[in-house]
Amino acid sequence: MRVLPYRTITESGTVLDVSLPLHPETVSPMRVQQLLTALEETLTREIHVLGVTSNGDVLQALAMALAIRAGLIESAPREALGLARDLAETALGAVSAVALSRLPAGHA
């Protein structure tokens, strides 16, 4: 199975390195990575603008966006909803299998 290696670093220096499994019918892993990075950057930017936002609210909005995006696929809405569920479960499973780390702090 192909995977997308992905690293994200929070402003506090917490690091998440994960290998996210790609669906067998993934057309462009590069495009998946670009979209994922754009979504992460947009979330971070918007949370800065909005102010204190709970993690639960962020996760709920993302889950709703996934559901809406899948529901907009007119040709096969039932299949798209099932695919979205499967993809979310696979990604969540990959993230649950890794531990967070911290970047070393130091002074130059």
N, C-alpha and C. Protein backbone atom coordinates (compact mmCIF):
# COMPACT_ATOMS: atom_id res chain seq x y z
N MET A 1 0.84 -1.19 0.00
CA MET A 1 0.00 0.00 0.00
C MET A 1 0.89 1.25 0.00
N ARG A 2 0.55 2.18 -0.86
CA ARG A 2 1.29 3.45 -0.91
C ARG A 2 0.89 4.31 0.29
N VAL A 3 1.85 5.09 0.77
CA VAL A 3 1.57 5.99 1.88
C VAL A 3 2.06 7.39 1.55
N LEU A 4 1.50 8.35 2.24
CA LEU A 4 1.91 9.74 2.13
C LEU A 4 2.60 10.10 3.44
N PRO A 5 3.94 10.22 3.43
CA PRO A 5 4.61 10.66 4.65
C PRO A 5 4.27 12.13 4.88
N TYR A 6 3.89 12.46 6.10
CA TYR A 6 3.48 13.83 6.36
C TYR A 6 3.97 14.27 7.73
N ARG A 7 4.49 15.48 7.80
CA ARG A 7 4.96 16.05 9.06
C ARG A 7 4.27 17.38 9.25
N THR A 8 3.77 17.58 10.46
CA THR A 8 3.22 18.88 10.82
C THR A 8 3.81 19.28 12.16
N ILE A 9 4.06 20.55 12.30
CA ILE A 9 4.68 21.08 13.52
C ILE A 9 3.82 22.23 14.02
N THR A 10 3.41 22.15 15.29
CA THR A 10 2.62 23.23 15.88
C THR A 10 3.52 24.40 16.23
N GLU A 11 2.91 25.51 16.53
CA GLU A 11 3.68 26.70 16.91
C GLU A 11 4.46 26.48 18.21
N SER A 12 3.99 25.55 19.05
CA SER A 12 4.68 25.27 20.31
C SER A 12 5.80 24.24 20.13
N GLY A 13 6.00 23.75 18.90
CA GLY A 13 7.08 22.82 18.63
C GLY A 13 6.70 21.35 18.69
N THR A 14 5.42 21.05 18.87
CA THR A 14 4.98 19.66 18.85
C THR A 14 5.00 19.16 17.41
N VAL A 15 5.55 17.96 17.23
CA VAL A 15 5.73 17.39 15.89
C VAL A 15 4.88 16.13 15.76
N LEU A 16 4.19 16.02 14.64
CA LEU A 16 3.47 14.80 14.29
C LEU A 16 4.02 14.32 12.96
N ASP A 17 4.73 13.19 12.99
CA ASP A 17 5.21 12.54 11.77
C ASP A 17 4.36 11.30 11.58
N VAL A 18 3.70 11.21 10.44
CA VAL A 18 2.79 10.10 10.20
C VAL A 18 2.87 9.65 8.75
N SER A 19 2.69 8.37 8.55
CA SER A 19 2.57 7.81 7.19
C SER A 19 1.10 7.53 6.96
N LEU A 20 0.48 8.34 6.14
CA LEU A 20 -0.96 8.22 5.89
C LEU A 20 -1.19 7.31 4.68
N PRO A 21 -1.90 6.20 4.88
CA PRO A 21 -2.17 5.31 3.75
C PRO A 21 -2.99 6.01 2.68
N LEU A 22 -2.59 5.79 1.45
CA LEU A 22 -3.33 6.33 0.31
C LEU A 22 -4.30 5.28 -0.21
N HIS A 23 -5.45 5.72 -0.63
CA HIS A 23 -6.43 4.82 -1.24
C HIS A 23 -5.82 4.23 -2.51
N PRO A 24 -6.11 2.97 -2.81
CA PRO A 24 -5.53 2.36 -4.01
C PRO A 24 -5.83 3.12 -5.31
N GLU A 25 -6.92 3.86 -5.35
CA GLU A 25 -7.27 4.59 -6.56
C GLU A 25 -6.84 6.06 -6.53
N THR A 26 -5.95 6.41 -5.61
CA THR A 26 -5.44 7.78 -5.55
C THR A 26 -4.79 8.13 -6.88
N VAL A 27 -5.22 9.24 -7.46
CA VAL A 27 -4.70 9.66 -8.75
C VAL A 27 -3.38 10.40 -8.59
N SER A 28 -3.31 11.32 -7.62
CA SER A 28 -2.11 12.15 -7.47
C SER A 28 -1.76 12.34 -5.99
N PRO A 29 -0.82 11.54 -5.48
CA PRO A 29 -0.37 11.75 -4.10
C PRO A 29 0.14 13.17 -3.87
N MET A 30 0.78 13.74 -4.88
CA MET A 30 1.28 15.11 -4.74
C MET A 30 0.12 16.09 -4.52
N ARG A 31 -0.96 15.92 -5.26
CA ARG A 31 -2.11 16.80 -5.11
C ARG A 31 -2.75 16.61 -3.73
N VAL A 32 -2.80 15.36 -3.26
CA VAL A 32 -3.34 15.08 -1.92
C VAL A 32 -2.50 15.84 -0.88
N GLN A 33 -1.18 15.76 -1.00
CA GLN A 33 -0.29 16.45 -0.06
C GLN A 33 -0.48 17.96 -0.13
N GLN A 34 -0.61 18.49 -1.33
CA GLN A 34 -0.80 19.94 -1.48
C GLN A 34 -2.12 20.40 -0.85
N LEU A 35 -3.18 19.65 -1.08
CA LEU A 35 -4.48 20.01 -0.49
C LEU A 35 -4.45 19.89 1.03
N LEU A 36 -3.82 18.84 1.53
CA LEU A 36 -3.72 18.66 2.98
C LEU A 36 -2.96 19.82 3.62
N THR A 37 -1.86 20.20 3.02
CA THR A 37 -1.07 21.33 3.54
C THR A 37 -1.88 22.62 3.48
N ALA A 38 -2.59 22.84 2.39
CA ALA A 38 -3.41 24.05 2.26
C ALA A 38 -4.51 24.08 3.33
N LEU A 39 -5.13 22.93 3.58
CA LEU A 39 -6.17 22.88 4.62
C LEU A 39 -5.58 23.17 5.99
N GLU A 40 -4.44 22.56 6.30
CA GLU A 40 -3.80 22.79 7.60
C GLU A 40 -3.42 24.26 7.77
N GLU A 41 -2.84 24.85 6.74
CA GLU A 41 -2.44 26.26 6.81
C GLU A 41 -3.65 27.18 6.95
N THR A 42 -4.73 26.86 6.26
CA THR A 42 -5.95 27.66 6.34
C THR A 42 -6.56 27.57 7.74
N LEU A 43 -6.60 26.37 8.30
CA LEU A 43 -7.13 26.22 9.66
C LEU A 43 -6.33 27.04 10.66
N THR A 44 -5.01 26.94 10.59
CA THR A 44 -4.15 27.68 11.51
C THR A 44 -4.39 29.18 11.37
N ARG A 45 -4.43 29.66 10.13
CA ARG A 45 -4.64 31.09 9.89
C ARG A 45 -6.01 31.55 10.43
N GLU A 46 -7.05 30.78 10.16
CA GLU A 46 -8.39 31.16 10.60
C GLU A 46 -8.54 31.12 12.11
N ILE A 47 -7.91 30.16 12.76
CA ILE A 47 -7.98 30.10 14.23
C ILE A 47 -7.29 31.32 14.83
N HIS A 48 -6.21 31.79 14.20
CA HIS A 48 -5.56 33.01 14.68
C HIS A 48 -6.51 34.20 14.58
N VAL A 49 -7.28 34.25 13.50
CA VAL A 49 -8.21 35.36 13.30
C VAL A 49 -9.39 35.25 14.26
N LEU A 50 -9.93 34.05 14.42
CA LEU A 50 -11.12 33.85 15.24
C LEU A 50 -10.85 33.96 16.73
N GLY A 51 -9.64 33.66 17.13
CA GLY A 51 -9.32 33.65 18.55
C GLY A 51 -9.51 32.26 19.13
N VAL A 52 -9.61 32.19 20.44
CA VAL A 52 -9.70 30.90 21.13
C VAL A 52 -10.82 30.06 20.52
N THR A 53 -10.44 28.88 20.06
CA THR A 53 -11.38 27.95 19.42
C THR A 53 -11.08 26.56 19.96
N SER A 54 -12.10 25.87 20.40
CA SER A 54 -11.87 24.55 20.99
C SER A 54 -11.51 23.53 19.90
N ASN A 55 -10.70 22.56 20.29
CA ASN A 55 -10.34 21.49 19.36
C ASN A 55 -11.58 20.73 18.90
N GLY A 56 -12.53 20.55 19.79
CA GLY A 56 -13.78 19.87 19.42
C GLY A 56 -14.54 20.60 18.34
N ASP A 57 -14.57 21.93 18.43
CA ASP A 57 -15.25 22.72 17.39
C ASP A 57 -14.53 22.59 16.05
N VAL A 58 -13.20 22.57 16.08
CA VAL A 58 -12.43 22.42 14.84
C VAL A 58 -12.72 21.04 14.23
N LEU A 59 -12.67 20.00 15.05
CA LEU A 59 -12.92 18.65 14.54
C LEU A 59 -14.34 18.51 14.00
N GLN A 60 -15.30 19.12 14.69
CA GLN A 60 -16.68 19.05 14.23
C GLN A 60 -16.85 19.74 12.87
N ALA A 61 -16.23 20.90 12.72
CA ALA A 61 -16.32 21.61 11.44
C ALA A 61 -15.67 20.80 10.32
N LEU A 62 -14.53 20.16 10.60
CA LEU A 62 -13.88 19.34 9.59
C LEU A 62 -14.73 18.13 9.22
N ALA A 63 -15.33 17.49 10.21
CA ALA A 63 -16.20 16.34 9.93
C ALA A 63 -17.40 16.77 9.08
N MET A 64 -17.97 17.92 9.40
CA MET A 64 -19.10 18.42 8.63
C MET A 64 -18.68 18.77 7.22
N ALA A 65 -17.49 19.37 7.05
CA ALA A 65 -16.99 19.71 5.71
C ALA A 65 -16.77 18.45 4.89
N LEU A 66 -16.23 17.39 5.51
CA LEU A 66 -16.04 16.13 4.81
C LEU A 66 -17.38 15.56 4.35
N ALA A 67 -18.35 15.58 5.24
CA ALA A 67 -19.68 15.05 4.91
C ALA A 67 -20.33 15.85 3.78
N ILE A 68 -20.24 17.16 3.85
CA ILE A 68 -20.83 18.02 2.82
C ILE A 68 -20.13 17.79 1.48
N ARG A 69 -18.79 17.72 1.52
CA ARG A 69 -18.04 17.52 0.27
C ARG A 69 -18.44 16.19 -0.38
N ALA A 70 -18.55 15.14 0.44
CA ALA A 70 -18.96 13.83 -0.08
C ALA A 70 -20.40 13.88 -0.60
N GLY A 71 -21.26 14.62 0.09
CA GLY A 71 -22.65 14.73 -0.33
C GLY A 71 -22.85 15.49 -1.62
N LEU A 72 -21.87 16.30 -1.99
CA LEU A 72 -21.96 17.09 -3.23
C LEU A 72 -21.63 16.29 -4.48
N ILE A 73 -21.13 15.07 -4.30
CA ILE A 73 -20.80 14.24 -5.45
C ILE A 73 -22.10 13.64 -5.97
N GLU A 74 -22.61 14.22 -7.05
CA GLU A 74 -23.94 13.87 -7.54
C GLU A 74 -24.02 12.48 -8.16
N SER A 75 -22.95 12.03 -8.78
CA SER A 75 -23.03 10.78 -9.53
C SER A 75 -23.21 9.55 -8.64
N ALA A 76 -22.68 9.60 -7.43
CA ALA A 76 -22.76 8.43 -6.54
C ALA A 76 -22.70 8.88 -5.08
N PRO A 77 -23.74 9.58 -4.60
CA PRO A 77 -23.65 10.12 -3.24
C PRO A 77 -23.49 9.05 -2.16
N ARG A 78 -24.18 7.93 -2.27
CA ARG A 78 -24.08 6.89 -1.25
C ARG A 78 -22.66 6.31 -1.21
N GLU A 79 -22.09 6.06 -2.39
CA GLU A 79 -20.73 5.53 -2.45
C GLU A 79 -19.72 6.54 -1.93
N ALA A 80 -19.93 7.81 -2.26
CA ALA A 80 -19.02 8.86 -1.80
C ALA A 80 -19.04 8.98 -0.28
N LEU A 81 -20.21 8.87 0.32
CA LEU A 81 -20.29 8.93 1.78
C LEU A 81 -19.57 7.74 2.41
N GLY A 82 -19.71 6.57 1.82
CA GLY A 82 -19.00 5.39 2.31
C GLY A 82 -17.50 5.53 2.16
N LEU A 83 -17.06 6.07 1.03
CA LEU A 83 -15.64 6.29 0.80
C LEU A 83 -15.10 7.30 1.81
N ALA A 84 -15.84 8.37 2.06
CA ALA A 84 -15.39 9.39 3.02
C ALA A 84 -15.23 8.76 4.40
N ARG A 85 -16.17 7.92 4.79
CA ARG A 85 -16.10 7.24 6.08
C ARG A 85 -14.86 6.34 6.15
N ASP A 86 -14.63 5.57 5.09
CA ASP A 86 -13.48 4.67 5.05
C ASP A 86 -12.16 5.44 5.09
N LEU A 87 -12.08 6.52 4.32
CA LEU A 87 -10.86 7.32 4.29
C LEU A 87 -10.57 7.96 5.65
N ALA A 88 -11.62 8.46 6.30
CA ALA A 88 -11.45 9.07 7.63
C ALA A 88 -10.98 8.03 8.64
N GLU A 89 -11.58 6.85 8.62
CA GLU A 89 -11.17 5.79 9.55
C GLU A 89 -9.72 5.37 9.32
N THR A 90 -9.32 5.27 8.06
CA THR A 90 -7.94 4.89 7.74
C THR A 90 -6.95 5.95 8.23
N ALA A 91 -7.25 7.21 7.97
CA ALA A 91 -6.37 8.30 8.40
C ALA A 91 -6.30 8.38 9.92
N LEU A 92 -7.45 8.24 10.59
CA LEU A 92 -7.46 8.28 12.05
C LEU A 92 -6.66 7.11 12.63
N GLY A 93 -6.77 5.96 12.00
CA GLY A 93 -5.99 4.81 12.46
C GLY A 93 -4.50 5.04 12.33
N ALA A 94 -4.08 5.66 11.24
CA ALA A 94 -2.65 5.95 11.04
C ALA A 94 -2.14 6.92 12.09
N VAL A 95 -2.93 7.95 12.39
CA VAL A 95 -2.49 8.95 13.36
C VAL A 95 -2.48 8.36 14.77
N SER A 96 -3.43 7.49 15.07
CA SER A 96 -3.48 6.91 16.42
C SER A 96 -2.29 5.98 16.68
N ALA A 97 -1.61 5.55 15.63
CA ALA A 97 -0.49 4.63 15.78
C ALA A 97 0.85 5.35 16.00
N VAL A 98 0.87 6.67 15.99
CA VAL A 98 2.13 7.40 16.17
C VAL A 98 2.05 8.28 17.41
N ALA A 99 3.22 8.61 17.93
CA ALA A 99 3.30 9.46 19.11
C ALA A 99 3.77 10.85 18.71
N LEU A 100 3.30 11.84 19.44
CA LEU A 100 3.77 13.21 19.23
C LEU A 100 5.18 13.33 19.80
N SER A 101 5.98 14.20 19.23
CA SER A 101 7.30 14.49 19.76
C SER A 101 7.47 16.01 19.83
N ARG A 102 8.55 16.43 20.43
CA ARG A 102 8.83 17.86 20.54
C ARG A 102 10.15 18.17 19.87
N LEU A 103 10.20 19.30 19.20
CA LEU A 103 11.48 19.76 18.63
C LEU A 103 12.38 20.17 19.78
N PRO A 104 13.67 19.91 19.64
CA PRO A 104 14.58 20.35 20.69
C PRO A 104 14.59 21.86 20.80
N ALA A 105 14.59 22.35 22.02
CA ALA A 105 14.66 23.79 22.26
C ALA A 105 16.10 24.14 22.62
N GLY A 106 16.52 25.27 22.18
CA GLY A 106 17.87 25.68 22.49
C GLY A 106 18.07 27.13 22.16
N HIS A 107 19.22 27.61 22.48
CA HIS A 107 19.55 29.00 22.22
C HIS A 107 20.76 29.04 21.31
N ALA A 108 20.73 29.93 20.36
CA ALA A 108 21.85 30.06 19.43
C ALA A 108 22.87 31.02 19.96
